[in-house]
Amino acid sequence: MGAGGAEPPRGESPHARLAALGIELPEAPAPAATYVPWVRSGALVFTAGQLPLQGGGLLATGKLGGQVALADGQACARACAVNVLAQLQAATGDLARIRRIVKLTVFVASEPGFVEQHLVANGASELLGDVFGDVGSHARSAVGVASLPLDAPVEVEAVAEVG
């Protein structure tokens, strides 16, 4: 279920749910180094870590518990999830082919003593619930790290089952 606790209408496509949320999927971000943005193995798609890129730049920079407030970290996690969806769209050709979001790993650049990584990660988890309903319910790890590429505050990777 999504953040509001309401299940999206049955039969409504993920793209219709995104539109209702006012979200237009961007082109899948290109890799920033030597790797591929996603890999399919059997029925699973693994995305590379996605940064909070929006409009050609990072939504924020810095660390949670320092330069970045909790609400801004959650917004960054949500932006990362939008980019995860763009990668899943590229991998499958249609988000309606997603049968389950299996796992999210959310990396949070954190100052020493910051212990709310799980709350930052909710920004990504809630969006996936809003877009996919029960199919978006997933296992998750929220991990505090010293730094992330480009000084991003959050990075999100996903594993999805496709049909």
C-alpha atoms as a PDB file:
ATOM      1  CA  MET A   1       0.000   0.000   0.000  1.00  0.00           C
ATOM      2  CA  GLY A   2       1.060   3.565  -0.573  1.00  0.00           C
ATOM      3  CA  ALA A   3       1.831   6.278   1.901  1.00  0.00           C
ATOM      4  CA  GLY A   4      -1.818   7.205   2.308  1.00  0.00           C
ATOM      5  CA  GLY A   5      -2.749   3.612   3.132  1.00  0.00           C
ATOM      6  CA  ALA A   6      -5.107   3.390   0.157  1.00  0.00           C
ATOM      7  CA  GLU A   7      -4.608   0.717  -2.435  1.00  0.00           C
ATOM      8  CA  PRO A   8      -4.429   2.077  -6.001  1.00  0.00           C
ATOM      9  CA  PRO A   9      -7.535   1.270  -8.054  1.00  0.00           C
ATOM     10  CA  ARG A  10      -7.504  -2.290  -9.380  1.00  0.00           C
ATOM     11  CA  GLY A  11      -6.499  -2.502 -13.013  1.00  0.00           C
ATOM     12  CA  GLU A  12      -4.994   0.995 -13.083  1.00  0.00           C
ATOM     13  CA  SER A  13      -1.598   0.922 -14.796  1.00  0.00           C
ATOM     14  CA  PRO A  14       1.584   2.057 -13.056  1.00  0.00           C
ATOM     15  CA  HIS A  15       1.847   4.822 -15.672  1.00  0.00           C
ATOM     16  CA  ALA A  16      -1.659   6.047 -14.799  1.00  0.00           C
ATOM     17  CA  ARG A  17      -0.699   6.053 -11.111  1.00  0.00           C
ATOM     18  CA  LEU A  18       2.468   8.008 -11.892  1.00  0.00           C
ATOM     19  CA  ALA A  19       0.420  10.533 -13.873  1.00  0.00           C
ATOM     20  CA  ALA A  20      -2.039  10.853 -10.968  1.00  0.00           C
ATOM     21  CA  LEU A  21       0.955  11.605  -8.719  1.00  0.00           C
ATOM     22  CA  GLY A  22       2.154  14.253 -11.174  1.00  0.00           C
ATOM     23  CA  ILE A  23       5.282  12.268 -12.061  1.00  0.00           C
ATOM     24  CA  GLU A  24       6.571  11.940 -15.600  1.00  0.00           C
ATOM     25  CA  LEU A  25       9.280   9.301 -15.941  1.00  0.00           C
ATOM     26  CA  PRO A  26      12.543  10.738 -17.221  1.00  0.00           C
ATOM     27  CA  GLU A  27      14.776   8.956 -19.676  1.00  0.00           C
ATOM     28  CA  ALA A  28      16.696   6.271 -17.798  1.00  0.00           C
ATOM     29  CA  PRO A  29      19.873   7.931 -16.478  1.00  0.00           C
ATOM     30  CA  ALA A  30      23.054   6.845 -18.237  1.00  0.00           C
ATOM     31  CA  PRO A  31      25.772   5.160 -16.187  1.00  0.00           C
ATOM     32  CA  ALA A  32      28.281   7.555 -14.619  1.00  0.00           C
ATOM     33  CA  ALA A  33      31.170   5.078 -14.917  1.00  0.00           C
ATOM     34  CA  THR A  34      31.977   1.604 -16.266  1.00  0.00           C
ATOM     35  CA  TYR A  35      28.848  -0.457 -15.561  1.00  0.00           C
ATOM     36  CA  VAL A  36      25.422  -1.130 -17.033  1.00  0.00           C
ATOM     37  CA  PRO A  37      22.307   0.533 -15.598  1.00  0.00           C
ATOM     38  CA  TRP A  38      20.418  -2.740 -15.169  1.00  0.00           C
ATOM     39  CA  VAL A  39      20.838  -6.488 -15.637  1.00  0.00           C
ATOM     40  CA  ARG A  40      18.137  -9.063 -16.187  1.00  0.00           C
ATOM     41  CA  SER A  41      18.719 -12.587 -14.889  1.00  0.00           C
ATOM     42  CA  GLY A  42      15.766 -14.908 -15.397  1.00  0.00           C
ATOM     43  CA  ALA A  43      12.674 -13.207 -14.013  1.00  0.00           C
ATOM     44  CA  LEU A  44      14.665 -10.673 -11.990  1.00  0.00           C
ATOM     45  CA  VAL A  45      15.904  -7.221 -12.962  1.00  0.00           C
ATOM     46  CA  PHE A  46      18.675  -5.686 -10.848  1.00  0.00           C
ATOM     47  CA  THR A  47      19.164  -1.941 -11.183  1.00  0.00           C
ATOM     48  CA  ALA A  48      22.405  -0.132 -10.591  1.00  0.00           C
ATOM     49  CA  GLY A  49      22.277   2.420  -7.809  1.00  0.00           C
ATOM     50  CA  GLN A  50      20.267   5.485  -8.804  1.00  0.00           C
ATOM     51  CA  LEU A  51      21.081   8.968  -7.561  1.00  0.00           C
ATOM     52  CA  PRO A  52      18.553  11.752  -6.920  1.00  0.00           C
ATOM     53  CA  LEU A  53      19.044  13.253 -10.372  1.00  0.00           C
ATOM     54  CA  GLN A  54      16.323  15.593 -11.496  1.00  0.00           C
ATOM     55  CA  GLY A  55      16.436  18.050 -14.384  1.00  0.00           C
ATOM     56  CA  GLY A  56      20.057  17.218 -15.185  1.00  0.00           C
ATOM     57  CA  GLY A  57      21.464  17.698 -11.680  1.00  0.00           C
ATOM     58  CA  LEU A  58      21.347  16.391  -8.150  1.00  0.00           C
ATOM     59  CA  LEU A  59      18.304  17.370  -6.103  1.00  0.00           C
ATOM     60  CA  ALA A  60      20.645  18.003  -3.142  1.00  0.00           C
ATOM     61  CA  THR A  61      24.206  17.361  -2.031  1.00  0.00           C
ATOM     62  CA  GLY A  62      25.739  16.641   1.347  1.00  0.00           C
ATOM     63  CA  LYS A  63      25.023  14.377   4.283  1.00  0.00           C
ATOM     64  CA  LEU A  64      21.978  13.657   6.385  1.00  0.00           C
ATOM     65  CA  GLY A  65      22.436  14.953   9.889  1.00  0.00           C
ATOM     66  CA  GLY A  66      24.534  17.785   8.425  1.00  0.00           C
ATOM     67  CA  GLN A  67      23.725  19.860   5.343  1.00  0.00           C
ATOM     68  CA  VAL A  68      20.669  17.784   4.393  1.00  0.00           C
ATOM     69  CA  ALA A  69      17.474  17.750   6.480  1.00  0.00           C
ATOM     70  CA  LEU A  70      15.414  14.585   6.921  1.00  0.00           C
ATOM     71  CA  ALA A  71      12.570  15.837   4.678  1.00  0.00           C
ATOM     72  CA  ASP A  72      15.083  16.693   1.936  1.00  0.00           C
ATOM     73  CA  GLY A  73      16.644  13.243   2.274  1.00  0.00           C
ATOM     74  CA  GLN A  74      13.213  11.665   1.854  1.00  0.00           C
ATOM     75  CA  ALA A  75      12.630  13.782  -1.260  1.00  0.00           C
ATOM     76  CA  CYS A  76      15.991  12.593  -2.583  1.00  0.00           C
ATOM     77  CA  ALA A  77      15.051   8.958  -1.911  1.00  0.00           C
ATOM     78  CA  ARG A  78      11.794   9.542  -3.804  1.00  0.00           C
ATOM     79  CA  ALA A  79      13.739  11.051  -6.742  1.00  0.00           C
ATOM     80  CA  CYS A  80      16.047   8.018  -6.688  1.00  0.00           C
ATOM     81  CA  ALA A  81      12.968   5.759  -6.849  1.00  0.00           C
ATOM     82  CA  VAL A  82      11.693   7.670  -9.888  1.00  0.00           C
ATOM     83  CA  ASN A  83      15.028   6.919 -11.570  1.00  0.00           C
ATOM     84  CA  VAL A  84      14.750   3.263 -10.506  1.00  0.00           C
ATOM     85  CA  LEU A  85      11.361   3.206 -12.249  1.00  0.00           C
ATOM     86  CA  ALA A  86      12.922   4.746 -15.364  1.00  0.00           C
ATOM     87  CA  GLN A  87      15.513   1.940 -15.378  1.00  0.00           C
ATOM     88  CA  LEU A  88      12.817  -0.707 -14.877  1.00  0.00           C
ATOM     89  CA  GLN A  89      10.866   0.841 -17.761  1.00  0.00           C
ATOM     90  CA  ALA A  90      13.982   0.610 -19.948  1.00  0.00           C
ATOM     91  CA  ALA A  91      14.582  -2.990 -18.871  1.00  0.00           C
ATOM     92  CA  THR A  92      11.021  -4.245 -19.366  1.00  0.00           C
ATOM     93  CA  GLY A  93       9.494  -1.920 -21.944  1.00  0.00           C
ATOM     94  CA  ASP A  94       6.421  -1.523 -19.708  1.00  0.00           C
ATOM     95  CA  LEU A  95       6.130  -1.064 -15.945  1.00  0.00           C
ATOM     96  CA  ALA A  96       2.951  -3.172 -16.075  1.00  0.00           C
ATOM     97  CA  ARG A  97       5.283  -6.175 -16.529  1.00  0.00           C
ATOM     98  CA  ILE A  98       6.584  -5.722 -12.967  1.00  0.00           C
ATOM     99  CA  ARG A  99       5.202  -8.571 -10.853  1.00  0.00           C
ATOM    100  CA  ARG A 100       6.923  -7.563  -7.607  1.00  0.00           C
ATOM    101  CA  ILE A 101       9.419  -5.091  -6.248  1.00  0.00           C
ATOM    102  CA  VAL A 102      11.494  -7.671  -4.385  1.00  0.00           C
ATOM    103  CA  LYS A 103      14.140  -5.603  -2.599  1.00  0.00           C
ATOM    104  CA  LEU A 104      15.397  -2.059  -2.202  1.00  0.00           C
ATOM    105  CA  THR A 105      18.762  -1.090  -0.841  1.00  0.00           C
ATOM    106  CA  VAL A 106      18.945   2.552   0.186  1.00  0.00           C
ATOM    107  CA  PHE A 107      22.334   4.094   0.896  1.00  0.00           C
ATOM    108  CA  VAL A 108      22.254   7.277   2.972  1.00  0.00           C
ATOM    109  CA  ALA A 109      25.313   9.536   3.228  1.00  0.00           C
ATOM    110  CA  SER A 110      25.259  10.254   6.949  1.00  0.00           C
ATOM    111  CA  GLU A 111      27.090  12.339   9.493  1.00  0.00           C
ATOM    112  CA  PRO A 112      28.308  10.366  12.533  1.00  0.00           C
ATOM    113  CA  GLY A 113      25.418   9.951  14.941  1.00  0.00           C
ATOM    114  CA  PHE A 114      22.666  10.157  12.296  1.00  0.00           C
ATOM    115  CA  VAL A 115      20.410   7.135  12.910  1.00  0.00           C
ATOM    116  CA  GLU A 116      17.299   7.807  10.816  1.00  0.00           C
ATOM    117  CA  GLN A 117      18.369   6.120   7.578  1.00  0.00           C
ATOM    118  CA  HIS A 118      15.183   4.035   7.709  1.00  0.00           C
ATOM    119  CA  LEU A 119      13.058   7.202   7.667  1.00  0.00           C
ATOM    120  CA  VAL A 120      14.998   8.579   4.692  1.00  0.00           C
ATOM    121  CA  ALA A 121      14.411   5.289   2.853  1.00  0.00           C
ATOM    122  CA  ASN A 122      10.651   5.671   3.337  1.00  0.00           C
ATOM    123  CA  GLY A 123      10.720   8.306   0.580  1.00  0.00           C
ATOM    124  CA  ALA A 124      11.505   5.564  -1.944  1.00  0.00           C
ATOM    125  CA  SER A 125       9.379   2.820  -0.369  1.00  0.00           C
ATOM    126  CA  GLU A 126       6.252   4.957  -0.167  1.00  0.00           C
ATOM    127  CA  LEU A 127       6.504   5.999  -3.817  1.00  0.00           C
ATOM    128  CA  LEU A 128       6.792   2.375  -4.955  1.00  0.00           C
ATOM    129  CA  GLY A 129       3.753   1.500  -2.834  1.00  0.00           C
ATOM    130  CA  ASP A 130       1.805   4.383  -4.371  1.00  0.00           C
ATOM    131  CA  VAL A 131       2.732   3.269  -7.898  1.00  0.00           C
ATOM    132  CA  PHE A 132       2.389  -0.522  -7.550  1.00  0.00           C
ATOM    133  CA  GLY A 133       0.172  -1.152  -4.506  1.00  0.00           C
ATOM    134  CA  ASP A 134       0.893  -4.541  -2.926  1.00  0.00           C
ATOM    135  CA  VAL A 135       3.235  -5.395  -5.819  1.00  0.00           C
ATOM    136  CA  GLY A 136       5.423  -2.554  -4.560  1.00  0.00           C
ATOM    137  CA  SER A 137       5.758  -3.986  -1.023  1.00  0.00           C
ATOM    138  CA  HIS A 138       9.370  -5.081  -0.677  1.00  0.00           C
ATOM    139  CA  ALA A 139      12.165  -6.147   1.610  1.00  0.00           C
ATOM    140  CA  ARG A 140      14.579  -3.293   2.294  1.00  0.00           C
ATOM    141  CA  SER A 141      17.933  -2.352   3.726  1.00  0.00           C
ATOM    142  CA  ALA A 142      18.723   1.236   4.734  1.00  0.00           C
ATOM    143  CA  VAL A 143      22.455   1.706   5.145  1.00  0.00           C
ATOM    144  CA  GLY A 144      24.400   4.714   6.437  1.00  0.00           C
ATOM    145  CA  VAL A 145      27.590   5.397   4.484  1.00  0.00           C
ATOM    146  CA  ALA A 146      30.387   7.968   4.722  1.00  0.00           C
ATOM    147  CA  SER A 147      29.883   9.350   1.206  1.00  0.00           C
ATOM    148  CA  LEU A 148      28.233   8.655  -2.148  1.00  0.00           C
ATOM    149  CA  PRO A 149      29.165   9.518  -5.747  1.00  0.00           C
ATOM    150  CA  LEU A 150      28.983  13.230  -6.633  1.00  0.00           C
ATOM    151  CA  ASP A 151      28.271  14.029  -2.945  1.00  0.00           C
ATOM    152  CA  ALA A 152      24.710  12.708  -3.354  1.00  0.00           C
ATOM    153  CA  PRO A 153      22.880  12.268  -0.046  1.00  0.00           C
ATOM    154  CA  VAL A 154      21.000   9.116  -1.134  1.00  0.00           C
ATOM    155  CA  GLU A 155      21.375   6.252  -3.628  1.00  0.00           C
ATOM    156  CA  VAL A 156      18.788   3.535  -4.250  1.00  0.00           C
ATOM    157  CA  GLU A 157      19.078   0.184  -6.028  1.00  0.00           C
ATOM    158  CA  ALA A 158      16.312  -2.317  -6.630  1.00  0.00           C
ATOM    159  CA  VAL A 159      15.541  -5.899  -7.528  1.00  0.00           C
ATOM    160  CA  ALA A 160      12.257  -6.479  -9.348  1.00  0.00           C
ATOM    161  CA  GLU A 161      10.506  -9.587 -10.608  1.00  0.00           C
ATOM    162  CA  VAL A 162       9.101  -9.295 -14.111  1.00  0.00           C
ATOM    163  CA  GLY A 163       6.541 -11.385 -15.970  1.00  0.00           C
END
